Amino acid sequence: QVQLVESGGGLVQPGESLRLSCAASRILVWRTPVNWYRQAPEKQRVLVASITEDGYTNYADSVRGRFTISRTSATNTAYLQMDNLRPEDTAVYYCNIFEHWGQGTQVTVSS
């Protein structure tokens, strides 16, 4: 069965960076649309970044210019590079491919 495993979350200070990874098995991230969502406490899960099969990217207004979505066929992994993090970026981040979801990774931005 398809499995998505996120990693790379943690506690950082405002202005710092993190890179989230989404390691996939039984599905090729290189050939499918990949999305990153996040869910803050007591809020709905929202889409923050996506990449199409053809490599076109799109970002939520709140993260555009600070986050970058990418993927590699070498390790069948998708990434979310997050720079200049803000306290409002605090959330659990999820990787999504079609109906498949990872378990999420916690990102906390606090001074």
Foldseek 3Di string as FASTA:
>chain_A
DKAWAKDWADEEAAQAKIKIKIQIDPDAPLQAKKWKWWDAPPGDIDTAKIAGNVGDIDGDPVQPPFWDWDADRVRSMIMIIGGRDDQVVFTWMWMDTVPDIHPTDTHGYHD
